[in-house]
Amino acid sequence: MPYAADGRLSRDPIDGGIEITEQQYQQGLAGMLSGEHVQIVGGAFFVGPVPVVEPEPDPEPTPEEIEAQRLALNNGAYETATTALTANYPQLEKDTWPTQDVESTAWLLDPVGASTPWIDRAAAVRGIDREEYLRRTLVKARQFVIMSAWLTGRRQGYEDVIKAGGDPVLDYQLPGEVLLELQAVQQTVMTAPTAQLREALA
């Protein structure tokens, strides 16, 4: 006597299976060869298409998981925005920025007596005037402070909203007033008389 269970046929008893007729056995073999599936539905033998198993729906995220995801998205957007500030500079040059900042600040405080050996050499090799190099360095440093402060404040503000249960629309595009401030810094640093530059930037 043949037997059948879900997806199985046998001439021997099958655990959990049922007895079937020889005709059903042959029908099952033919069906399996054609890609169909042997099934036991309500205790009855049936041959038909392979059943489609619906995937289990993903569990609803917990409030903690939702918050963690939003914080991660916020931090990722911040990283993208801040990385763009220095993306066009090689790492070795970025490593010299603290030295350039120290020397340009020293020159701002004492335009006549400040020692700026690193900038002196770099300006000479680049082929531009030492003072122009110093002014350009001051522009970039001041602009970086403005942009990084704005972006960091924006990230922290979004974080506060998220931790309070909100879902802010993330926007790290610098607003018009910040762009105008950056232009004003460049105009001031590059055009103010040397003796008045420190006061102009105060």
C-alpha atoms as a PDB file:
ATOM      1  CA  MET A   1       0.000   0.000   0.000  1.00  0.00           C
ATOM      2  CA  PRO A   2       1.483   3.385  -0.934  1.00  0.00           C
ATOM      3  CA  TYR A   3       1.612   6.309   1.428  1.00  0.00           C
ATOM      4  CA  ALA A   4       1.811  10.082   1.096  1.00  0.00           C
ATOM      5  CA  ALA A   5       2.726  13.064   3.232  1.00  0.00           C
ATOM      6  CA  ASP A   6       3.360  16.689   2.388  1.00  0.00           C
ATOM      7  CA  GLY A   7       5.935  16.627  -0.401  1.00  0.00           C
ATOM      8  CA  ARG A   8       6.552  12.874  -0.093  1.00  0.00           C
ATOM      9  CA  LEU A   9       5.442   9.562  -1.594  1.00  0.00           C
ATOM     10  CA  SER A  10       6.506   6.092  -0.464  1.00  0.00           C
ATOM     11  CA  ARG A  11       5.653   2.425  -0.647  1.00  0.00           C
ATOM     12  CA  ASP A  12       6.437   2.243   3.055  1.00  0.00           C
ATOM     13  CA  PRO A  13       4.560   3.911   5.891  1.00  0.00           C
ATOM     14  CA  ILE A  14       5.488   7.564   6.488  1.00  0.00           C
ATOM     15  CA  ASP A  15       5.314   9.214   9.892  1.00  0.00           C
ATOM     16  CA  GLY A  16       2.443  11.639   9.730  1.00  0.00           C
ATOM     17  CA  GLY A  17       1.397  10.334   6.298  1.00  0.00           C
ATOM     18  CA  ILE A  18      -1.803   8.703   5.047  1.00  0.00           C
ATOM     19  CA  GLU A  19      -2.563   5.646   2.969  1.00  0.00           C
ATOM     20  CA  ILE A  20      -3.367   6.369  -0.665  1.00  0.00           C
ATOM     21  CA  THR A  21      -4.487   4.301  -3.619  1.00  0.00           C
ATOM     22  CA  GLU A  22      -2.197   3.105  -6.363  1.00  0.00           C
ATOM     23  CA  GLN A  23      -3.921   5.532  -8.706  1.00  0.00           C
ATOM     24  CA  GLN A  24      -3.197   8.415  -6.327  1.00  0.00           C
ATOM     25  CA  TYR A  25       0.384   7.240  -5.998  1.00  0.00           C
ATOM     26  CA  GLN A  26       0.867   7.325  -9.773  1.00  0.00           C
ATOM     27  CA  GLN A  27      -0.893  10.686  -9.940  1.00  0.00           C
ATOM     28  CA  GLY A  28       1.461  12.002  -7.278  1.00  0.00           C
ATOM     29  CA  LEU A  29       4.555  10.756  -9.099  1.00  0.00           C
ATOM     30  CA  ALA A  30       3.416  12.366 -12.340  1.00  0.00           C
ATOM     31  CA  GLY A  31       2.648  15.601 -10.565  1.00  0.00           C
ATOM     32  CA  MET A  32       6.017  15.755  -8.832  1.00  0.00           C
ATOM     33  CA  LEU A  33       7.802  15.124 -12.141  1.00  0.00           C
ATOM     34  CA  SER A  34       5.932  18.076 -13.644  1.00  0.00           C
ATOM     35  CA  GLY A  35       6.831  20.377 -10.769  1.00  0.00           C
ATOM     36  CA  GLU A  36       3.697  20.026  -8.693  1.00  0.00           C
ATOM     37  CA  HIS A  37       3.517  19.284  -4.999  1.00  0.00           C
ATOM     38  CA  VAL A  38       1.989  16.409  -3.065  1.00  0.00           C
ATOM     39  CA  GLN A  39      -0.094  17.777  -0.203  1.00  0.00           C
ATOM     40  CA  ILE A  40      -2.336  16.448   2.509  1.00  0.00           C
ATOM     41  CA  VAL A  41      -5.166  18.937   2.911  1.00  0.00           C
ATOM     42  CA  GLY A  42      -7.656  18.222   5.679  1.00  0.00           C
ATOM     43  CA  GLY A  43      -6.573  14.583   5.734  1.00  0.00           C
ATOM     44  CA  ALA A  44      -7.167  14.202   1.985  1.00  0.00           C
ATOM     45  CA  PHE A  45      -4.606  13.566  -0.748  1.00  0.00           C
ATOM     46  CA  PHE A  46      -4.064  16.438  -3.175  1.00  0.00           C
ATOM     47  CA  VAL A  47      -1.604  17.205  -5.979  1.00  0.00           C
ATOM     48  CA  GLY A  48      -1.202  20.813  -7.057  1.00  0.00           C
ATOM     49  CA  PRO A  49       1.119  23.774  -7.419  1.00  0.00           C
ATOM     50  CA  VAL A  50       3.895  24.211  -4.906  1.00  0.00           C
ATOM     51  CA  PRO A  51       2.354  26.217  -2.063  1.00  0.00           C
ATOM     52  CA  VAL A  52       3.624  29.742  -1.712  1.00  0.00           C
ATOM     53  CA  VAL A  53       4.706  30.430   1.826  1.00  0.00           C
ATOM     54  CA  GLU A  54       4.137  34.040   2.702  1.00  0.00           C
ATOM     55  CA  PRO A  55       7.130  35.443   4.549  1.00  0.00           C
ATOM     56  CA  GLU A  56       6.620  36.443   8.111  1.00  0.00           C
ATOM     57  CA  PRO A  57       6.218  40.204   8.323  1.00  0.00           C
ATOM     58  CA  ASP A  58       9.073  42.056   9.926  1.00  0.00           C
ATOM     59  CA  PRO A  59       8.317  42.825  13.544  1.00  0.00           C
ATOM     60  CA  GLU A  60       7.409  46.396  14.319  1.00  0.00           C
ATOM     61  CA  PRO A  61      10.486  48.247  15.573  1.00  0.00           C
ATOM     62  CA  THR A  62      10.483  49.294  19.188  1.00  0.00           C
ATOM     63  CA  PRO A  63      10.568  52.993  20.106  1.00  0.00           C
ATOM     64  CA  GLU A  64      14.207  52.527  21.112  1.00  0.00           C
ATOM     65  CA  GLU A  65      15.041  51.026  17.710  1.00  0.00           C
ATOM     66  CA  ILE A  66      13.240  53.840  15.891  1.00  0.00           C
ATOM     67  CA  GLU A  67      15.160  56.434  17.885  1.00  0.00           C
ATOM     68  CA  ALA A  68      18.483  54.679  17.249  1.00  0.00           C
ATOM     69  CA  GLN A  69      17.775  54.548  13.514  1.00  0.00           C
ATOM     70  CA  ARG A  70      16.890  58.245  13.372  1.00  0.00           C
ATOM     71  CA  LEU A  71      19.994  59.182  15.353  1.00  0.00           C
ATOM     72  CA  ALA A  72      22.151  57.118  13.004  1.00  0.00           C
ATOM     73  CA  LEU A  73      20.619  58.797   9.948  1.00  0.00           C
ATOM     74  CA  ASN A  74      21.222  62.204  11.505  1.00  0.00           C
ATOM     75  CA  ASN A  75      24.835  61.426  12.332  1.00  0.00           C
ATOM     76  CA  GLY A  76      25.376  60.035   8.844  1.00  0.00           C
ATOM     77  CA  ALA A  77      24.006  63.180   7.219  1.00  0.00           C
ATOM     78  CA  TYR A  78      26.217  65.298   9.479  1.00  0.00           C
ATOM     79  CA  GLU A  79      29.284  63.237   8.583  1.00  0.00           C
ATOM     80  CA  THR A  80      28.526  63.691   4.886  1.00  0.00           C
ATOM     81  CA  ALA A  81      28.129  67.454   5.266  1.00  0.00           C
ATOM     82  CA  THR A  82      31.257  67.951   7.367  1.00  0.00           C
ATOM     83  CA  THR A  83      33.388  65.650   5.242  1.00  0.00           C
ATOM     84  CA  ALA A  84      32.497  67.763   2.217  1.00  0.00           C
ATOM     85  CA  LEU A  85      34.152  70.772   3.880  1.00  0.00           C
ATOM     86  CA  THR A  86      37.599  69.211   3.536  1.00  0.00           C
ATOM     87  CA  ALA A  87      37.049  66.635   0.782  1.00  0.00           C
ATOM     88  CA  ASN A  88      39.289  68.391  -1.748  1.00  0.00           C
ATOM     89  CA  TYR A  89      42.380  68.431   0.468  1.00  0.00           C
ATOM     90  CA  PRO A  90      44.858  65.547   0.846  1.00  0.00           C
ATOM     91  CA  GLN A  91      45.415  64.294   4.379  1.00  0.00           C
ATOM     92  CA  LEU A  92      49.016  65.499   4.603  1.00  0.00           C
ATOM     93  CA  GLU A  93      47.941  69.053   3.868  1.00  0.00           C
ATOM     94  CA  LYS A  94      45.163  68.816   6.448  1.00  0.00           C
ATOM     95  CA  ASP A  95      47.766  67.688   8.961  1.00  0.00           C
ATOM     96  CA  THR A  96      49.537  71.046   8.490  1.00  0.00           C
ATOM     97  CA  TRP A  97      46.470  73.127   9.309  1.00  0.00           C
ATOM     98  CA  PRO A  98      47.224  73.470  13.033  1.00  0.00           C
ATOM     99  CA  THR A  99      50.676  74.856  12.136  1.00  0.00           C
ATOM    100  CA  GLN A 100      49.185  77.229   9.593  1.00  0.00           C
ATOM    101  CA  ASP A 101      46.567  78.347  12.097  1.00  0.00           C
ATOM    102  CA  VAL A 102      49.180  79.070  14.776  1.00  0.00           C
ATOM    103  CA  GLU A 103      51.365  81.063  12.385  1.00  0.00           C
ATOM    104  CA  SER A 104      48.538  83.038  10.778  1.00  0.00           C
ATOM    105  CA  THR A 105      47.098  83.892  14.209  1.00  0.00           C
ATOM    106  CA  ALA A 106      50.537  85.008  15.403  1.00  0.00           C
ATOM    107  CA  TRP A 107      50.810  87.263  12.353  1.00  0.00           C
ATOM    108  CA  LEU A 108      47.330  88.676  12.997  1.00  0.00           C
ATOM    109  CA  LEU A 109      48.401  89.614  16.531  1.00  0.00           C
ATOM    110  CA  ASP A 110      51.824  90.927  15.488  1.00  0.00           C
ATOM    111  CA  PRO A 111      52.102  91.597  11.732  1.00  0.00           C
ATOM    112  CA  VAL A 112      55.641  92.938  12.071  1.00  0.00           C
ATOM    113  CA  GLY A 113      57.337  90.585  14.507  1.00  0.00           C
ATOM    114  CA  ALA A 114      55.520  87.269  14.055  1.00  0.00           C
ATOM    115  CA  SER A 115      57.625  84.291  12.973  1.00  0.00           C
ATOM    116  CA  THR A 116      55.907  82.231  10.264  1.00  0.00           C
ATOM    117  CA  PRO A 117      58.532  79.805   8.904  1.00  0.00           C
ATOM    118  CA  TRP A 118      56.135  77.204   7.538  1.00  0.00           C
ATOM    119  CA  ILE A 119      54.013  79.739   5.684  1.00  0.00           C
ATOM    120  CA  ASP A 120      57.100  81.633   4.488  1.00  0.00           C
ATOM    121  CA  ARG A 121      58.421  78.512   2.789  1.00  0.00           C
ATOM    122  CA  ALA A 122      55.058  77.385   1.400  1.00  0.00           C
ATOM    123  CA  ALA A 123      54.313  80.849  -0.018  1.00  0.00           C
ATOM    124  CA  ALA A 124      57.735  81.080  -1.656  1.00  0.00           C
ATOM    125  CA  VAL A 125      57.404  77.661  -3.290  1.00  0.00           C
ATOM    126  CA  ARG A 126      53.850  78.408  -4.380  1.00  0.00           C
ATOM    127  CA  GLY A 127      54.953  81.683  -5.866  1.00  0.00           C
ATOM    128  CA  ILE A 128      52.659  84.076  -4.020  1.00  0.00           C
ATOM    129  CA  ASP A 129      53.271  86.872  -1.541  1.00  0.00           C
ATOM    130  CA  ARG A 130      53.686  85.815   2.092  1.00  0.00           C
ATOM    131  CA  GLU A 131      50.985  88.178   3.311  1.00  0.00           C
ATOM    132  CA  GLU A 132      48.519  86.947   0.700  1.00  0.00           C
ATOM    133  CA  TYR A 133      49.154  83.381   1.842  1.00  0.00           C
ATOM    134  CA  LEU A 134      48.594  84.423   5.455  1.00  0.00           C
ATOM    135  CA  ARG A 135      45.354  86.188   4.581  1.00  0.00           C
ATOM    136  CA  ARG A 136      44.080  83.219   2.601  1.00  0.00           C
ATOM    137  CA  THR A 137      44.876  80.982   5.548  1.00  0.00           C
ATOM    138  CA  LEU A 138      42.938  83.255   7.877  1.00  0.00           C
ATOM    139  CA  VAL A 139      39.963  83.257   5.501  1.00  0.00           C
ATOM    140  CA  LYS A 140      39.805  79.467   5.355  1.00  0.00           C
ATOM    141  CA  ALA A 141      40.240  79.087   9.108  1.00  0.00           C
ATOM    142  CA  ARG A 142      37.524  81.633   9.930  1.00  0.00           C
ATOM    143  CA  GLN A 143      35.143  80.183   7.348  1.00  0.00           C
ATOM    144  CA  PHE A 144      35.723  76.653   8.634  1.00  0.00           C
ATOM    145  CA  VAL A 145      34.855  77.755  12.172  1.00  0.00           C
ATOM    146  CA  ILE A 146      31.610  79.301  10.950  1.00  0.00           C
ATOM    147  CA  MET A 147      30.560  76.310   8.843  1.00  0.00           C
ATOM    148  CA  SER A 148      31.530  73.631  11.349  1.00  0.00           C
ATOM    149  CA  ALA A 149      29.782  75.480  14.184  1.00  0.00           C
ATOM    150  CA  TRP A 150      26.586  75.813  12.145  1.00  0.00           C
ATOM    151  CA  LEU A 151      26.607  72.173  11.049  1.00  0.00           C
ATOM    152  CA  THR A 152      27.362  70.915  14.555  1.00  0.00           C
ATOM    153  CA  GLY A 153      24.623  73.039  16.077  1.00  0.00           C
ATOM    154  CA  ARG A 154      22.205  71.750  13.451  1.00  0.00           C
ATOM    155  CA  ARG A 155      23.139  68.127  14.244  1.00  0.00           C
ATOM    156  CA  GLN A 156      22.695  68.669  17.959  1.00  0.00           C
ATOM    157  CA  GLY A 157      19.349  70.375  17.386  1.00  0.00           C
ATOM    158  CA  TYR A 158      18.083  67.443  15.350  1.00  0.00           C
ATOM    159  CA  GLU A 159      19.339  65.069  18.042  1.00  0.00           C
ATOM    160  CA  ASP A 160      17.337  66.943  20.677  1.00  0.00           C
ATOM    161  CA  VAL A 161      14.193  66.676  18.528  1.00  0.00           C
ATOM    162  CA  ILE A 162      14.734  62.952  17.921  1.00  0.00           C
ATOM    163  CA  LYS A 163      15.294  62.199  21.600  1.00  0.00           C
ATOM    164  CA  ALA A 164      12.070  64.055  22.348  1.00  0.00           C
ATOM    165  CA  GLY A 165      10.236  61.646  20.029  1.00  0.00           C
ATOM    166  CA  GLY A 166      10.275  63.743  16.865  1.00  0.00           C
ATOM    167  CA  ASP A 167      11.231  62.846  13.306  1.00  0.00           C
ATOM    168  CA  PRO A 168      12.856  65.948  11.794  1.00  0.00           C
ATOM    169  CA  VAL A 169      13.440  66.408   8.077  1.00  0.00           C
ATOM    170  CA  LEU A 170      17.235  66.498   7.885  1.00  0.00           C
ATOM    171  CA  ASP A 171      18.676  69.451   5.979  1.00  0.00           C
ATOM    172  CA  TYR A 172      22.369  70.285   6.256  1.00  0.00           C
ATOM    173  CA  GLN A 173      22.459  72.753   3.370  1.00  0.00           C
ATOM    174  CA  LEU A 174      24.108  75.977   4.536  1.00  0.00           C
ATOM    175  CA  PRO A 175      21.476  78.741   4.572  1.00  0.00           C
ATOM    176  CA  GLY A 176      21.806  82.037   2.753  1.00  0.00           C
ATOM    177  CA  GLU A 177      22.747  84.040   5.829  1.00  0.00           C
ATOM    178  CA  VAL A 178      25.697  81.747   6.508  1.00  0.00           C
ATOM    179  CA  LEU A 179      26.887  82.031   2.903  1.00  0.00           C
ATOM    180  CA  LEU A 180      26.722  85.821   3.205  1.00  0.00           C
ATOM    181  CA  GLU A 181      28.730  85.647   6.415  1.00  0.00           C
ATOM    182  CA  LEU A 182      31.386  83.561   4.653  1.00  0.00           C
ATOM    183  CA  GLN A 183      31.601  86.134   1.870  1.00  0.00           C
ATOM    184  CA  ALA A 184      31.913  88.938   4.406  1.00  0.00           C
ATOM    185  CA  VAL A 185      34.813  87.172   6.118  1.00  0.00           C
ATOM    186  CA  GLN A 186      36.648  86.784   2.837  1.00  0.00           C
ATOM    187  CA  GLN A 187      36.046  90.414   1.891  1.00  0.00           C
ATOM    188  CA  THR A 188      37.228  91.686   5.265  1.00  0.00           C
ATOM    189  CA  VAL A 189      40.345  89.538   5.548  1.00  0.00           C
ATOM    190  CA  MET A 190      41.519  90.078   1.995  1.00  0.00           C
ATOM    191  CA  THR A 191      40.944  93.859   1.844  1.00  0.00           C
ATOM    192  CA  ALA A 192      41.379  95.325   5.336  1.00  0.00           C
ATOM    193  CA  PRO A 193      44.673  97.160   5.907  1.00  0.00           C
ATOM    194  CA  THR A 194      47.131  95.001   7.813  1.00  0.00           C
ATOM    195  CA  ALA A 195      47.246  97.341  10.803  1.00  0.00           C
ATOM    196  CA  GLN A 196      43.445  97.268  11.091  1.00  0.00           C
ATOM    197  CA  LEU A 197      42.835  93.589  10.338  1.00  0.00           C
ATOM    198  CA  ARG A 198      42.889  92.394  13.933  1.00  0.00           C
ATOM    199  CA  GLU A 199      40.315  94.984  14.946  1.00  0.00           C
ATOM    200  CA  ALA A 200      38.177  94.217  11.882  1.00  0.00           C
ATOM    201  CA  LEU A 201      37.973  90.558  12.871  1.00  0.00           C
ATOM    202  CA  ALA A 202      37.332  91.171  16.555  1.00  0.00           C
END
